[in-house]
């Protein structure tokens, strides 16, 4: 299902109201291989996300430094190192030379930086046993007094606050963009489309059948929400659908086929959101059968992070505001209390909210 229209010749008869007749025929390539693509800023920010959140996770085994957190967040003082960002689409040495940062493009940046700072502060207790009301280590996980891993709230929450926020803003802007080509440069519409693709976090030759975790792990691999297309979005075929929609939409923009472009936007929005929902549903369901508290709290922390990400879902989402509020209420319950309920009453309710809104998300 990777590319049902890859390489196919599409015959079109519609017209654009603002650009004249649509080119009758055009080809959708099998990869995101288009002229003059420049989405460096988007791909680099996803690399920054990967490096920053990986560094936060190290707080489970050593004390973190608040200055480093600030430098990574703002991309100052050459904070990215080979350890933090050594095998990414943009490595540490390239990231350190850029003038962009996470701080400027994350929605609710103060909130997510506070989660990150909380993880830094929590790392002081990496050798302290955790207990109800006491922050520390449980298994190989570092949790706060209620059982939450702050690094998971950041890593998964930013898939919404960084990725979805920017992808949707760019795609919402595309229909009103200028699509006039100039020599040697993409049109404004093409540029915004390319940036949106960069934030998705998949390589231009993305293959849903390839196992990107096989050694040697490629630097240009799916990251952020792109990484979850295969991990939790496989059942709904999110990766193939989104990748195909991006390729089709970009080709359609070149041919001034705006109807097809708009269909692609709808597909991208639907399946990026459903990927986050599928991930949240998976972790909330898995947590119900986990007796080991470290594993249960990890699942709940991931689920909470994905719920945070869904705040930035598309307008008109199938997940209502009332349903979303209830999900947050459940996952802001202390995890020790959720774990104490042998019937998993609240967690079953949360899982039901997802299936009611989105239908079946996992096999």
Protein backbone atom coordinates (compact mmCIF):
# COMPACT_ATOMS: atom_id res chain seq x y z
CA UNK A 1 0.00 0.00 0.00
CA UNK A 2 3.05 2.27 -0.08
CA UNK A 3 2.20 4.06 -3.28
CA UNK A 4 -0.86 3.04 -5.20
CA UNK A 5 -0.34 5.98 -7.54
CA UNK A 6 3.44 6.00 -7.61
CA UNK A 7 4.66 6.56 -11.11
CA UNK A 8 1.13 6.51 -12.48
CA UNK A 9 0.00 8.91 -15.17
CA UNK A 10 -2.94 10.92 -13.83
CA UNK A 11 -5.37 12.30 -16.39
CA UNK A 12 -7.08 15.46 -15.23
CA UNK A 13 -9.75 17.68 -16.70
CA UNK A 14 -10.42 20.23 -13.98
CA UNK A 15 -9.38 23.88 -14.05
CA UNK A 16 -7.86 26.18 -11.49
CA UNK A 17 -9.78 29.39 -10.88
CA UNK A 18 -6.62 31.42 -10.38
CA UNK A 19 -4.01 29.80 -12.61
CA UNK A 20 -5.75 28.78 -15.81
CA UNK A 21 -6.14 25.28 -17.20
CA UNK A 22 -4.67 22.38 -15.27
CA UNK A 23 -1.90 20.49 -17.01
CA UNK A 24 -3.71 17.45 -18.43
CA UNK A 25 -1.18 14.81 -17.36
CA UNK A 26 1.41 14.54 -14.61
CA UNK A 27 3.37 11.84 -12.85
CA UNK A 28 3.57 11.18 -9.12
CA UNK A 29 7.06 9.88 -8.32
CA UNK A 30 7.66 6.87 -6.08
CA UNK A 31 9.85 8.98 -3.77
CA UNK A 32 9.67 12.60 -2.62
CA UNK A 33 11.96 13.54 -5.48
CA UNK A 34 11.07 17.02 -6.70
CA UNK A 35 13.13 19.91 -7.99
CA UNK A 36 14.29 22.66 -5.62
CA UNK A 37 13.08 21.12 -2.35
CA UNK A 38 14.47 23.06 0.61
CA UNK A 39 13.07 21.95 3.97
CA UNK A 40 16.28 22.16 5.96
CA UNK A 41 14.73 24.09 8.86
CA UNK A 42 11.96 21.55 9.38
CA UNK A 43 14.20 18.47 9.13
CA UNK A 44 16.76 20.13 11.42
CA UNK A 45 14.15 20.87 14.09
CA UNK A 46 13.06 17.23 14.04
CA UNK A 47 16.74 16.30 14.52
CA UNK A 48 16.86 18.77 17.44
CA UNK A 49 13.76 17.10 18.88
CA UNK A 50 15.47 13.71 18.66
CA UNK A 51 18.67 14.94 20.28
CA UNK A 52 17.01 16.94 23.04
CA UNK A 53 14.56 14.23 24.07
CA UNK A 54 17.26 11.56 23.95
CA UNK A 55 19.37 13.69 26.27
CA UNK A 56 16.46 14.12 28.69
CA UNK A 57 16.11 10.34 28.87
CA UNK A 58 19.66 10.08 30.20
CA UNK A 59 18.39 11.58 33.46
CA UNK A 60 17.39 8.06 34.51
CA UNK A 61 21.06 7.19 34.95
CA UNK A 62 22.85 10.47 35.69
CA UNK A 63 22.24 14.01 36.88
CA UNK A 64 21.44 16.47 34.10
CA UNK A 65 22.55 20.08 33.87
CA UNK A 66 20.02 22.91 33.60
CA UNK A 67 22.37 25.04 31.49
CA UNK A 68 22.63 22.26 28.92
CA UNK A 69 18.83 22.04 28.82
CA UNK A 70 18.62 25.75 28.09
CA UNK A 71 21.35 25.61 25.45
CA UNK A 72 19.76 22.66 23.63
CA UNK A 73 16.29 24.22 23.76
CA UNK A 74 17.54 27.51 22.35
CA UNK A 75 20.36 26.04 20.23
CA UNK A 76 23.11 28.14 21.78
CA UNK A 77 26.65 27.54 23.08
CA UNK A 78 27.26 24.62 20.66
CA UNK A 79 25.30 22.35 22.99
CA UNK A 80 24.67 19.53 20.53
CA UNK A 81 27.37 16.87 20.77
CA UNK A 82 28.15 13.56 19.10
CA UNK A 83 26.52 11.78 22.05
CA UNK A 84 23.33 13.84 21.78
CA UNK A 85 22.96 14.11 18.01
CA UNK A 86 25.48 11.84 16.35
CA UNK A 87 23.32 9.75 14.02
CA UNK A 88 20.53 11.99 12.77
CA UNK A 89 19.58 13.59 9.44
CA UNK A 90 21.35 16.73 10.71
CA UNK A 91 24.19 15.89 13.06
CA UNK A 92 25.46 17.89 16.00
CA UNK A 93 28.07 19.88 14.08
CA UNK A 94 25.51 21.06 11.52
CA UNK A 95 22.85 21.83 14.16
CA UNK A 96 25.25 23.98 16.16
CA UNK A 97 25.81 26.27 13.17
CA UNK A 98 22.11 26.94 12.56
CA UNK A 99 20.19 29.98 13.79
CA UNK A 100 16.96 28.02 14.34
CA UNK A 101 15.83 26.34 17.56
CA UNK A 102 13.07 24.32 19.16
CA UNK A 103 12.08 27.24 21.38
CA UNK A 104 10.77 29.40 18.56
CA UNK A 105 8.55 26.80 16.87
CA UNK A 106 6.94 24.85 19.72
CA UNK A 107 3.37 25.70 20.69
CA UNK A 108 2.96 26.23 24.44
CA UNK A 109 6.74 26.39 24.64
CA UNK A 110 6.74 27.50 28.28
CA UNK A 111 4.77 24.43 29.32
CA UNK A 112 7.01 21.97 27.51
CA UNK A 113 10.21 23.65 28.66
CA UNK A 114 8.83 23.36 32.22
CA UNK A 115 8.38 19.60 31.70
CA UNK A 116 11.97 19.41 30.47
CA UNK A 117 13.23 21.43 33.44
CA UNK A 118 11.29 19.12 35.74
CA UNK A 119 13.13 16.15 34.24
CA UNK A 120 16.43 17.92 34.82
CA UNK A 121 15.50 18.57 38.46
CA UNK A 122 14.24 15.01 38.84
CA UNK A 123 17.56 13.59 37.66
CA UNK A 124 19.02 14.50 41.05
CA UNK A 125 17.10 11.50 42.38
CA UNK A 126 18.20 8.95 39.77
CA UNK A 127 19.61 6.72 42.54
CA UNK A 128 16.65 7.16 44.92
CA UNK A 129 13.95 4.44 45.02
CA UNK A 130 10.58 5.81 43.96
CA UNK A 131 7.45 5.39 46.07
CA UNK A 132 4.00 6.99 46.22
CA UNK A 133 4.62 10.67 46.85
CA UNK A 134 8.40 10.23 46.43
CA UNK A 135 10.25 10.92 43.18
CA UNK A 136 12.96 8.53 42.08
CA UNK A 137 13.86 5.37 40.22
CA UNK A 138 11.50 2.48 39.60
CA UNK A 139 13.06 -0.26 37.53
CA UNK A 140 15.09 1.63 34.95
CA UNK A 141 12.63 4.53 34.82
CA UNK A 142 12.85 7.88 36.59
CA UNK A 143 9.45 9.13 37.72
CA UNK A 144 8.04 12.01 39.71
CA UNK A 145 6.04 11.63 42.92
CA UNK A 146 2.96 10.45 41.00
CA UNK A 147 4.76 8.05 38.63
CA UNK A 148 5.13 10.28 35.55
CA UNK A 149 8.26 10.26 33.37
CA UNK A 150 8.66 13.91 32.38
CA UNK A 151 10.90 13.05 29.43
CA UNK A 152 8.04 11.08 27.86
CA UNK A 153 5.68 14.04 28.29
CA UNK A 154 8.20 16.14 26.35
CA UNK A 155 9.09 13.59 23.66
CA UNK A 156 5.54 12.61 22.81
CA UNK A 157 3.91 15.95 23.56
CA UNK A 158 6.19 17.70 21.07
CA UNK A 159 4.90 15.41 18.32
CA UNK A 160 1.86 17.63 18.60
CA UNK A 161 3.27 20.94 19.80
CA UNK A 162 6.14 20.90 17.29
CA UNK A 163 5.15 18.50 14.51
CA UNK A 164 1.36 18.70 14.16
CA UNK A 165 1.30 22.40 14.98
CA UNK A 166 3.72 23.24 12.17
CA UNK A 167 2.44 20.72 9.63
CA UNK A 168 -1.15 21.92 10.03
CA UNK A 169 -0.23 25.61 9.99
CA UNK A 170 1.75 25.14 6.80
CA UNK A 171 -0.93 23.04 5.10
CA UNK A 172 -3.64 25.53 6.11
CA UNK A 173 -1.57 28.26 4.51
CA UNK A 174 -0.94 26.36 1.26
CA UNK A 175 -4.31 27.06 -0.47
CA UNK A 176 -3.74 30.82 -0.29
CA UNK A 177 -0.03 30.68 -1.18
CA UNK A 178 1.32 32.04 -4.44
CA UNK A 179 2.13 29.24 -6.85
CA UNK A 180 4.11 31.28 -9.32
CA UNK A 181 7.46 29.76 -10.24
CA UNK A 182 10.58 31.86 -10.50
CA UNK A 183 13.87 30.80 -12.00
CA UNK A 184 15.75 28.38 -9.76
CA UNK A 185 13.32 28.57 -6.83
CA UNK A 186 10.15 26.78 -5.74
CA UNK A 187 6.89 28.65 -5.52
CA UNK A 188 5.67 29.78 -2.11
CA UNK A 189 3.11 26.97 -2.21
CA UNK A 190 5.75 24.35 -3.00
CA UNK A 191 8.04 25.70 -0.29
CA UNK A 192 5.40 25.46 2.43
CA UNK A 193 4.42 21.97 1.27
CA UNK A 194 8.06 20.86 1.41
CA UNK A 195 8.47 22.26 4.92
CA UNK A 196 5.39 20.37 6.07
CA UNK A 197 6.87 17.19 4.64
CA UNK A 198 10.12 17.89 6.50
CA UNK A 199 8.32 18.07 9.85
CA UNK A 200 6.70 14.67 9.28
CA UNK A 201 10.10 13.10 9.85
CA UNK A 202 10.39 10.48 7.11
CA UNK A 203 13.13 10.21 4.46
CA UNK A 204 12.33 11.12 0.88
CA UNK A 205 12.62 7.44 -0.10
CA UNK A 206 10.51 6.23 2.84
CA UNK A 207 9.63 2.54 2.63
CA UNK A 208 6.94 1.19 4.95
CA UNK A 209 8.25 -2.35 4.48
CA UNK A 210 11.81 -1.55 5.60
CA UNK A 211 12.90 -2.14 9.21
CA UNK A 212 14.75 1.08 10.03
CA UNK A 213 15.93 -0.29 13.37
CA UNK A 214 18.12 -2.92 11.69
CA UNK A 215 21.83 -2.25 12.27
CA UNK A 216 23.45 -0.17 11.02
CA UNK A 217 20.60 2.21 11.84
CA UNK A 218 20.49 4.86 9.09
CA UNK A 219 20.78 8.51 10.10
CA UNK A 220 18.06 9.41 7.61
CA UNK A 221 15.37 7.32 9.28
CA UNK A 222 11.79 7.99 10.41
CA UNK A 223 11.73 10.21 13.50
CA UNK A 224 9.06 11.74 15.74
CA UNK A 225 5.61 11.03 14.33
CA UNK A 226 7.27 9.44 11.28
CA UNK A 227 8.78 6.84 13.59
CA UNK A 228 5.36 6.00 14.95
CA UNK A 229 3.83 5.37 11.53
CA UNK A 230 5.45 1.95 11.58
CA UNK A 231 5.42 1.42 15.33
CA UNK A 232 1.81 2.24 16.27
CA UNK A 233 0.23 3.44 13.02
CA UNK A 234 0.83 0.26 11.05
CA UNK A 235 -2.67 -1.18 11.48
CA UNK A 236 -4.27 1.96 10.02
CA UNK A 237 -1.60 2.11 7.28
CA UNK A 238 -0.78 5.66 8.26
CA UNK A 239 2.77 5.78 6.91
CA UNK A 240 1.93 4.73 3.39
CA UNK A 241 -1.14 6.94 3.22
CA UNK A 242 0.64 10.05 4.48
CA UNK A 243 3.74 9.53 2.33
CA UNK A 244 1.60 8.95 -0.76
CA UNK A 245 -0.50 12.03 0.01
CA UNK A 246 2.61 14.21 0.35
CA UNK A 247 4.01 12.98 -2.97
CA UNK A 248 0.67 13.29 -4.73
CA UNK A 249 -0.03 16.75 -3.34
CA UNK A 250 3.40 18.06 -4.33
CA UNK A 251 2.99 16.74 -7.86
CA UNK A 252 -0.52 18.19 -8.01
CA UNK A 253 0.77 21.62 -6.97
CA UNK A 254 3.24 21.52 -9.85
CA UNK A 255 0.36 20.72 -12.22
CA UNK A 256 -1.94 23.28 -10.55
CA UNK A 257 -4.40 20.52 -9.73
CA UNK A 258 -5.75 22.07 -6.54
CA UNK A 259 -8.59 19.62 -6.00
CA UNK A 260 -6.14 16.73 -5.68
CA UNK A 261 -3.87 18.87 -3.51
CA UNK A 262 -6.74 19.55 -1.11
CA UNK A 263 -7.64 15.87 -0.95
CA UNK A 264 -4.03 15.16 -0.01
CA UNK A 265 -4.19 17.76 2.78
CA UNK A 266 -7.25 16.04 4.23
CA UNK A 267 -5.55 12.65 4.13
CA UNK A 268 -2.40 13.97 5.82
CA UNK A 269 -4.36 15.61 8.61
CA UNK A 270 -6.55 12.56 9.19
CA UNK A 271 -3.76 10.02 9.42
CA UNK A 272 -1.22 12.06 11.35
CA UNK A 273 -3.83 12.67 14.03
CA UNK A 274 -4.98 9.05 13.98
CA UNK A 275 -1.37 7.91 14.41
CA UNK A 276 -1.13 9.83 17.68
CA UNK A 277 -4.50 8.47 18.73
CA UNK A 278 -3.45 4.91 17.86
CA UNK A 279 -0.27 5.30 19.92
CA UNK A 280 -2.14 6.69 22.92
CA UNK A 281 -4.74 3.92 22.67
CA UNK A 282 -2.02 1.26 22.51
CA UNK A 283 -0.26 2.45 25.64
CA UNK A 284 -3.45 2.93 27.64
CA UNK A 285 -4.55 -0.57 26.70
CA UNK A 286 -1.14 -2.15 27.35
CA UNK A 287 -0.93 -0.57 30.79
CA UNK A 288 -4.05 -2.44 31.90
CA UNK A 289 -2.29 -5.82 31.79
CA UNK A 290 1.12 -4.76 33.10
CA UNK A 291 1.75 -5.77 36.70
CA UNK A 292 5.30 -4.40 36.82
CA UNK A 293 5.01 -0.78 37.95
CA UNK A 294 7.99 0.41 35.93
CA UNK A 295 6.43 -0.94 32.73
CA UNK A 296 2.95 0.31 33.66
CA UNK A 297 4.16 3.81 34.52
CA UNK A 298 6.18 3.94 31.29
CA UNK A 299 3.10 3.06 29.24
CA UNK A 300 1.00 5.62 31.11
CA UNK A 301 3.69 8.28 30.63
CA UNK A 302 3.79 7.61 26.89
CA UNK A 303 0.00 7.64 26.75
CA UNK A 304 -0.09 10.95 28.60
CA UNK A 305 2.46 12.44 26.20
CA UNK A 306 0.41 11.42 23.18
CA UNK A 307 -2.72 12.89 24.75
CA UNK A 308 -0.82 16.15 25.22
CA UNK A 309 0.10 15.98 21.53
CA UNK A 310 -3.55 15.62 20.51
CA UNK A 311 -4.29 19.09 21.83
CA UNK A 312 -2.92 20.30 18.48
CA UNK A 313 -5.22 18.11 16.38
CA UNK A 314 -6.98 19.50 13.35
CA UNK A 315 -10.05 21.69 13.58
CA UNK A 316 -13.10 19.49 13.19
CA UNK A 317 -11.33 16.53 14.76
CA UNK A 318 -13.41 13.46 15.55
CA UNK A 319 -12.13 13.75 19.11
CA UNK A 320 -14.40 16.30 20.77
CA UNK A 321 -13.31 18.91 23.29
CA UNK A 322 -15.31 17.13 25.99
CA UNK A 323 -13.66 13.81 25.22
CA UNK A 324 -10.23 15.39 25.22
CA UNK A 325 -10.82 17.05 28.58
CA UNK A 326 -11.85 13.73 30.07
CA UNK A 327 -8.74 12.00 28.70
CA UNK A 328 -6.54 14.59 30.37
CA UNK A 329 -8.43 14.24 33.64
CA UNK A 330 -7.86 10.50 33.66
CA UNK A 331 -4.17 10.71 32.82
CA UNK A 332 -3.53 13.48 35.32
CA UNK A 333 -4.67 11.10 38.05
CA UNK A 334 -1.62 9.91 40.02
CA UNK A 335 -0.38 6.77 38.32
CA UNK A 336 -0.13 4.96 41.64
CA UNK A 337 -3.88 5.45 42.02
CA UNK A 338 -4.56 4.20 38.50
CA UNK A 339 -2.37 1.17 39.18
CA UNK A 340 -4.24 0.43 42.42
CA UNK A 341 -7.52 -0.06 40.54
CA UNK A 342 -7.50 -3.76 39.61
CA UNK A 343 -10.51 -3.17 37.34
CA UNK A 344 -8.77 -0.38 35.38
CA UNK A 345 -12.05 1.51 35.33
CA UNK A 346 -10.66 4.86 34.25
CA UNK A 347 -8.17 3.39 31.79
CA UNK A 348 -10.90 1.36 30.11
CA UNK A 349 -12.97 4.53 29.83
CA UNK A 350 -10.03 6.34 28.22
CA UNK A 351 -9.52 3.54 25.70
CA UNK A 352 -13.23 3.58 24.89
CA UNK A 353 -13.07 7.31 24.21
CA UNK A 354 -10.49 6.65 21.49
CA UNK A 355 -12.43 3.88 19.78
CA UNK A 356 -15.63 5.92 19.96
CA UNK A 357 -13.93 8.87 18.29
CA UNK A 358 -11.70 7.11 15.75
CA UNK A 359 -12.92 3.55 15.36
CA UNK A 360 -10.58 0.55 15.57
CA UNK A 361 -6.98 1.72 15.92
CA UNK A 362 -5.12 -1.50 16.71
CA UNK A 363 -5.62 -5.15 15.69
